[in-house]
Structures are given as C-alpha cells and as structure tokens.
Amino acid sequence: MAKDRSYEYTGRHKHEFGKGSRWCKRCGDYTAVIQKYNLMICRRCFREVANSLGFIKYR
C-alpha cells in the first residue's frame, strides 16, 4: 500500500510574523528592522541613507 506523503515537510515554510517575516530590503539582515513609515530597512542602513530619505538629525 502506498504511503500518503501529503503531510511531509516539502520545503521552507513562510514566516507570517516574528523576526523571520521582516528583513532589510537593502542588506537582507533580519535584526533591528525599522518598519515605521514602511521603510523596512535595518538601523545600520537607515543611518547611511537617512539624509537622502529626508530625515533630519536635530541633536
């Protein structure tokens, strides 16, 4: 009798929430992703491109 393989793990599952669901669109890092204003870039990349995006440092 053939074995039903519909339950077997066939590949990487899609992350819908948590750290695995968000990554930096610039460098691909998963840590410290800024989501505000739909930026989706990590804090290190944000510091590099903040001026070109129009953010102003007051202090």
PDB file of N, CA and C in Angstrom:
ATOM      1  N   MET A   1       0.836  -1.172   0.000  1.00  0.00           N
ATOM      2  CA  MET A   1       0.000   0.000   0.000  1.00  0.00           C
ATOM      3  C   MET A   1       0.885   1.240   0.000  1.00  0.00           C
ATOM      4  N   ALA A   2       0.536   2.222  -0.814  1.00  0.00           N
ATOM      5  CA  ALA A   2       1.329   3.444  -0.949  1.00  0.00           C
ATOM      6  C   ALA A   2       1.157   4.340   0.269  1.00  0.00           C
ATOM      7  N   LYS A   3       2.231   5.013   0.599  1.00  0.00           N
ATOM      8  CA  LYS A   3       2.217   5.894   1.760  1.00  0.00           C
ATOM      9  C   LYS A   3       1.741   7.287   1.345  1.00  0.00           C
ATOM     10  N   ASP A   4       0.866   7.871   2.125  1.00  0.00           N
ATOM     11  CA  ASP A   4       0.386   9.222   1.840  1.00  0.00           C
ATOM     12  C   ASP A   4       1.437  10.222   2.296  1.00  0.00           C
ATOM     13  N   ARG A   5       2.020  10.988   1.374  1.00  0.00           N
ATOM     14  CA  ARG A   5       3.098  11.914   1.686  1.00  0.00           C
ATOM     15  C   ARG A   5       2.627  13.369   1.740  1.00  0.00           C
ATOM     16  N   SER A   6       1.345  13.589   1.816  1.00  0.00           N
ATOM     17  CA  SER A   6       0.828  14.957   1.827  1.00  0.00           C
ATOM     18  C   SER A   6       1.183  15.695   3.118  1.00  0.00           C
ATOM     19  N   TYR A   7       1.494  14.962   4.180  1.00  0.00           N
ATOM     20  CA  TYR A   7       1.794  15.603   5.448  1.00  0.00           C
ATOM     21  C   TYR A   7       3.274  15.950   5.601  1.00  0.00           C
ATOM     22  N   GLU A   8       4.117  15.400   4.737  1.00  0.00           N
ATOM     23  CA  GLU A   8       5.557  15.586   4.897  1.00  0.00           C
ATOM     24  C   GLU A   8       5.993  17.008   4.602  1.00  0.00           C
ATOM     25  N   TYR A   9       7.064  17.386   5.249  1.00  0.00           N
ATOM     26  CA  TYR A   9       7.642  18.717   5.083  1.00  0.00           C
ATOM     27  C   TYR A   9       8.363  18.763   3.740  1.00  0.00           C
ATOM     28  N   THR A  10       7.925  19.635   2.846  1.00  0.00           N
ATOM     29  CA  THR A  10       8.486  19.655   1.495  1.00  0.00           C
ATOM     30  C   THR A  10       9.442  20.810   1.256  1.00  0.00           C
ATOM     31  N   GLY A  11       9.471  21.773   2.125  1.00  0.00           N
ATOM     32  CA  GLY A  11      10.351  22.910   1.912  1.00  0.00           C
ATOM     33  C   GLY A  11      10.263  23.888   3.057  1.00  0.00           C
ATOM     34  N   ARG A  12      10.865  25.023   2.863  1.00  0.00           N
ATOM     35  CA  ARG A  12      10.883  26.041   3.906  1.00  0.00           C
ATOM     36  C   ARG A  12       9.505  26.693   4.008  1.00  0.00           C
ATOM     37  N   HIS A  13       9.007  26.813   5.214  1.00  0.00           N
ATOM     38  CA  HIS A  13       7.680  27.402   5.384  1.00  0.00           C
ATOM     39  C   HIS A  13       7.775  28.925   5.410  1.00  0.00           C
ATOM     40  N   LYS A  14       6.680  29.558   5.082  1.00  0.00           N
ATOM     41  CA  LYS A  14       6.628  31.012   5.026  1.00  0.00           C
ATOM     42  C   LYS A  14       6.397  31.574   6.428  1.00  0.00           C
ATOM     43  N   HIS A  15       7.227  32.550   6.819  1.00  0.00           N
ATOM     44  CA  HIS A  15       7.054  33.192   8.110  1.00  0.00           C
ATOM     45  C   HIS A  15       6.049  34.325   7.963  1.00  0.00           C
ATOM     46  N   GLU A  16       5.029  34.317   8.793  1.00  0.00           N
ATOM     47  CA  GLU A  16       3.992  35.336   8.713  1.00  0.00           C
ATOM     48  C   GLU A  16       4.121  36.388   9.789  1.00  0.00           C
ATOM     49  N   PHE A  17       4.841  36.082  10.873  1.00  0.00           N
ATOM     50  CA  PHE A  17       5.042  37.047  11.946  1.00  0.00           C
ATOM     51  C   PHE A  17       6.348  36.701  12.649  1.00  0.00           C
ATOM     52  N   GLY A  18       6.869  37.646  13.402  1.00  0.00           N
ATOM     53  CA  GLY A  18       8.128  37.437  14.101  1.00  0.00           C
ATOM     54  C   GLY A  18       9.302  37.982  13.298  1.00  0.00           C
ATOM     55  N   LYS A  19      10.501  37.736  13.817  1.00  0.00           N
ATOM     56  CA  LYS A  19      11.704  38.274  13.172  1.00  0.00           C
ATOM     57  C   LYS A  19      11.940  37.703  11.782  1.00  0.00           C
ATOM     58  N   GLY A  20      11.525  36.476  11.545  1.00  0.00           N
ATOM     59  CA  GLY A  20      11.752  35.849  10.255  1.00  0.00           C
ATOM     60  C   GLY A  20      10.909  36.404   9.132  1.00  0.00           C
ATOM     61  N   SER A  21       9.881  37.177   9.462  1.00  0.00           N
ATOM     62  CA  SER A  21       8.989  37.689   8.431  1.00  0.00           C
ATOM     63  C   SER A  21       9.441  39.044   7.897  1.00  0.00           C
ATOM     64  N   ARG A  22      10.362  39.705   8.605  1.00  0.00           N
ATOM     65  CA  ARG A  22      10.807  41.042   8.197  1.00  0.00           C
ATOM     66  C   ARG A  22      12.303  41.042   7.973  1.00  0.00           C
ATOM     67  N   TRP A  23      12.743  41.573   6.863  1.00  0.00           N
ATOM     68  CA  TRP A  23      14.161  41.679   6.592  1.00  0.00           C
ATOM     69  C   TRP A  23      14.450  43.018   5.938  1.00  0.00           C
ATOM     70  N   CYS A  24      15.680  43.433   6.036  1.00  0.00           N
ATOM     71  CA  CYS A  24      16.106  44.705   5.456  1.00  0.00           C
ATOM     72  C   CYS A  24      16.109  44.585   3.940  1.00  0.00           C
ATOM     73  N   LYS A  25      15.444  45.504   3.273  1.00  0.00           N
ATOM     74  CA  LYS A  25      15.365  45.464   1.819  1.00  0.00           C
ATOM     75  C   LYS A  25      16.672  45.910   1.170  1.00  0.00           C
ATOM     76  N   ARG A  26      17.579  46.456   1.971  1.00  0.00           N
ATOM     77  CA  ARG A  26      18.847  46.951   1.440  1.00  0.00           C
ATOM     78  C   ARG A  26      19.971  45.926   1.598  1.00  0.00           C
ATOM     79  N   CYS A  27      20.106  45.347   2.801  1.00  0.00           N
ATOM     80  CA  CYS A  27      21.217  44.419   3.035  1.00  0.00           C
ATOM     81  C   CYS A  27      20.765  42.982   3.322  1.00  0.00           C
ATOM     82  N   GLY A  28      19.483  42.782   3.606  1.00  0.00           N
ATOM     83  CA  GLY A  28      18.977  41.436   3.834  1.00  0.00           C
ATOM     84  C   GLY A  28      19.070  40.950   5.268  1.00  0.00           C
ATOM     85  N   ASP A  29      19.439  41.823   6.199  1.00  0.00           N
ATOM     86  CA  ASP A  29      19.581  41.443   7.596  1.00  0.00           C
ATOM     87  C   ASP A  29      18.198  41.326   8.250  1.00  0.00           C
ATOM     88  N   TYR A  30      18.093  40.445   9.249  1.00  0.00           N
ATOM     89  CA  TYR A  30      16.818  40.226   9.925  1.00  0.00           C
ATOM     90  C   TYR A  30      16.714  40.968  11.253  1.00  0.00           C
ATOM     91  N   THR A  31      17.799  41.581  11.736  1.00  0.00           N
ATOM     92  CA  THR A  31      17.786  42.201  13.053  1.00  0.00           C
ATOM     93  C   THR A  31      17.576  43.699  12.964  1.00  0.00           C
ATOM     94  N   ALA A  32      16.844  44.254  13.908  1.00  0.00           N
ATOM     95  CA  ALA A  32      16.612  45.695  14.074  1.00  0.00           C
ATOM     96  C   ALA A  32      16.053  46.356  12.818  1.00  0.00           C
ATOM     97  N   VAL A  33      14.994  45.801  12.272  1.00  0.00           N
ATOM     98  CA  VAL A  33      14.361  46.337  11.072  1.00  0.00           C
ATOM     99  C   VAL A  33      13.382  47.444  11.464  1.00  0.00           C
ATOM    100  N   ILE A  34      13.517  48.602  10.843  1.00  0.00           N
ATOM    101  CA  ILE A  34      12.637  49.738  11.104  1.00  0.00           C
ATOM    102  C   ILE A  34      11.447  49.629  10.152  1.00  0.00           C
ATOM    103  N   GLN A  35      10.247  49.485  10.745  1.00  0.00           N
ATOM    104  CA  GLN A  35       9.041  49.307   9.942  1.00  0.00           C
ATOM    105  C   GLN A  35       8.221  50.582   9.818  1.00  0.00           C
ATOM    106  N   LYS A  36       8.538  51.566  10.649  1.00  0.00           N
ATOM    107  CA  LYS A  36       7.746  52.789  10.652  1.00  0.00           C
ATOM    108  C   LYS A  36       7.846  53.466   9.288  1.00  0.00           C
ATOM    109  N   TYR A  37       6.750  54.040   8.833  1.00  0.00           N
ATOM    110  CA  TYR A  37       6.622  54.667   7.513  1.00  0.00           C
ATOM    111  C   TYR A  37       6.918  53.681   6.385  1.00  0.00           C
ATOM    112  N   ASN A  38       6.784  52.381   6.677  1.00  0.00           N
ATOM    113  CA  ASN A  38       7.012  51.316   5.694  1.00  0.00           C
ATOM    114  C   ASN A  38       8.423  51.372   5.104  1.00  0.00           C
ATOM    115  N   LEU A  39       9.424  51.692   5.939  1.00  0.00           N
ATOM    116  CA  LEU A  39      10.811  51.760   5.486  1.00  0.00           C
ATOM    117  C   LEU A  39      11.383  50.380   5.201  1.00  0.00           C
ATOM    118  N   MET A  40      11.227  49.457   6.171  1.00  0.00           N
ATOM    119  CA  MET A  40      11.724  48.080   6.061  1.00  0.00           C
ATOM    120  C   MET A  40      13.222  48.019   5.770  1.00  0.00           C
ATOM    121  N   ILE A  41      13.997  48.842   6.475  1.00  0.00           N
ATOM    122  CA  ILE A  41      15.457  48.754   6.408  1.00  0.00           C
ATOM    123  C   ILE A  41      15.994  48.678   7.828  1.00  0.00           C
ATOM    124  N   CYS A  42      17.161  48.063   8.000  1.00  0.00           N
ATOM    125  CA  CYS A  42      17.722  47.897   9.336  1.00  0.00           C
ATOM    126  C   CYS A  42      18.301  49.218   9.823  1.00  0.00           C
ATOM    127  N   ARG A  43      18.598  49.276  11.105  1.00  0.00           N
ATOM    128  CA  ARG A  43      19.063  50.523  11.706  1.00  0.00           C
ATOM    129  C   ARG A  43      20.415  50.950  11.148  1.00  0.00           C
ATOM    130  N   ARG A  44      21.264  50.016  10.770  1.00  0.00           N
ATOM    131  CA  ARG A  44      22.577  50.365  10.212  1.00  0.00           C
ATOM    132  C   ARG A  44      22.429  50.997   8.831  1.00  0.00           C
ATOM    133  N   CYS A  45      21.578  50.432   8.010  1.00  0.00           N
ATOM    134  CA  CYS A  45      21.335  51.008   6.686  1.00  0.00           C
ATOM    135  C   CYS A  45      20.611  52.349   6.801  1.00  0.00           C
ATOM    136  N   PHE A  46      19.733  52.467   7.798  1.00  0.00           N
ATOM    137  CA  PHE A  46      19.000  53.714   7.981  1.00  0.00           C
ATOM    138  C   PHE A  46      19.953  54.864   8.272  1.00  0.00           C
ATOM    139  N   ARG A  47      20.969  54.633   9.086  1.00  0.00           N
ATOM    140  CA  ARG A  47      21.927  55.685   9.411  1.00  0.00           C
ATOM    141  C   ARG A  47      22.691  56.146   8.170  1.00  0.00           C
ATOM    142  N   GLU A  48      22.898  55.252   7.225  1.00  0.00           N
ATOM    143  CA  GLU A  48      23.620  55.597   5.999  1.00  0.00           C
ATOM    144  C   GLU A  48      22.754  56.405   5.031  1.00  0.00           C
ATOM    145  N   VAL A  49      21.472  56.114   4.966  1.00  0.00           N
ATOM    146  CA  VAL A  49      20.620  56.732   3.945  1.00  0.00           C
ATOM    147  C   VAL A  49      19.577  57.695   4.497  1.00  0.00           C
ATOM    148  N   ALA A  50      19.638  58.014   5.789  1.00  0.00           N
ATOM    149  CA  ALA A  50      18.607  58.852   6.415  1.00  0.00           C
ATOM    150  C   ALA A  50      18.530  60.233   5.776  1.00  0.00           C
ATOM    151  N   ASN A  51      19.665  60.854   5.503  1.00  0.00           N
ATOM    152  CA  ASN A  51      19.651  62.194   4.904  1.00  0.00           C
ATOM    153  C   ASN A  51      19.037  62.187   3.508  1.00  0.00           C
ATOM    154  N   SER A  52      19.348  61.187   2.727  1.00  0.00           N
ATOM    155  CA  SER A  52      18.793  61.123   1.372  1.00  0.00           C
ATOM    156  C   SER A  52      17.292  60.835   1.377  1.00  0.00           C
ATOM    157  N   LEU A  53      16.796  60.231   2.465  1.00  0.00           N
ATOM    158  CA  LEU A  53      15.361  59.975   2.595  1.00  0.00           C
ATOM    159  C   LEU A  53      14.606  61.186   3.116  1.00  0.00           C
ATOM    160  N   GLY A  54      15.334  62.193   3.613  1.00  0.00           N
ATOM    161  CA  GLY A  54      14.686  63.404   4.088  1.00  0.00           C
ATOM    162  C   GLY A  54      14.578  63.521   5.589  1.00  0.00           C
ATOM    163  N   PHE A  55      15.197  62.629   6.338  1.00  0.00           N
ATOM    164  CA  PHE A  55      15.177  62.711   7.784  1.00  0.00           C
ATOM    165  C   PHE A  55      16.254  63.689   8.246  1.00  0.00           C
ATOM    166  N   ILE A  56      15.937  64.473   9.272  1.00  0.00           N
ATOM    167  CA  ILE A  56      16.849  65.495   9.779  1.00  0.00           C
ATOM    168  C   ILE A  56      17.257  65.123  11.202  1.00  0.00           C
ATOM    169  N   LYS A  57      18.550  65.187  11.496  1.00  0.00           N
ATOM    170  CA  LYS A  57      19.047  64.917  12.824  1.00  0.00           C
ATOM    171  C   LYS A  57      19.067  66.242  13.603  1.00  0.00           C
ATOM    172  N   TYR A  58      18.345  66.306  14.720  1.00  0.00           N
ATOM    173  CA  TYR A  58      18.228  67.544  15.486  1.00  0.00           C
ATOM    174  C   TYR A  58      19.275  67.650  16.580  1.00  0.00           C
ATOM    175  N   ARG A  59      19.815  66.569  17.052  1.00  0.00           N
ATOM    176  CA  ARG A  59      20.821  66.627  18.108  1.00  0.00           C
ATOM    177  C   ARG A  59      22.137  66.113  17.638  1.00  0.00           C
TER     178      ARG A  59
END
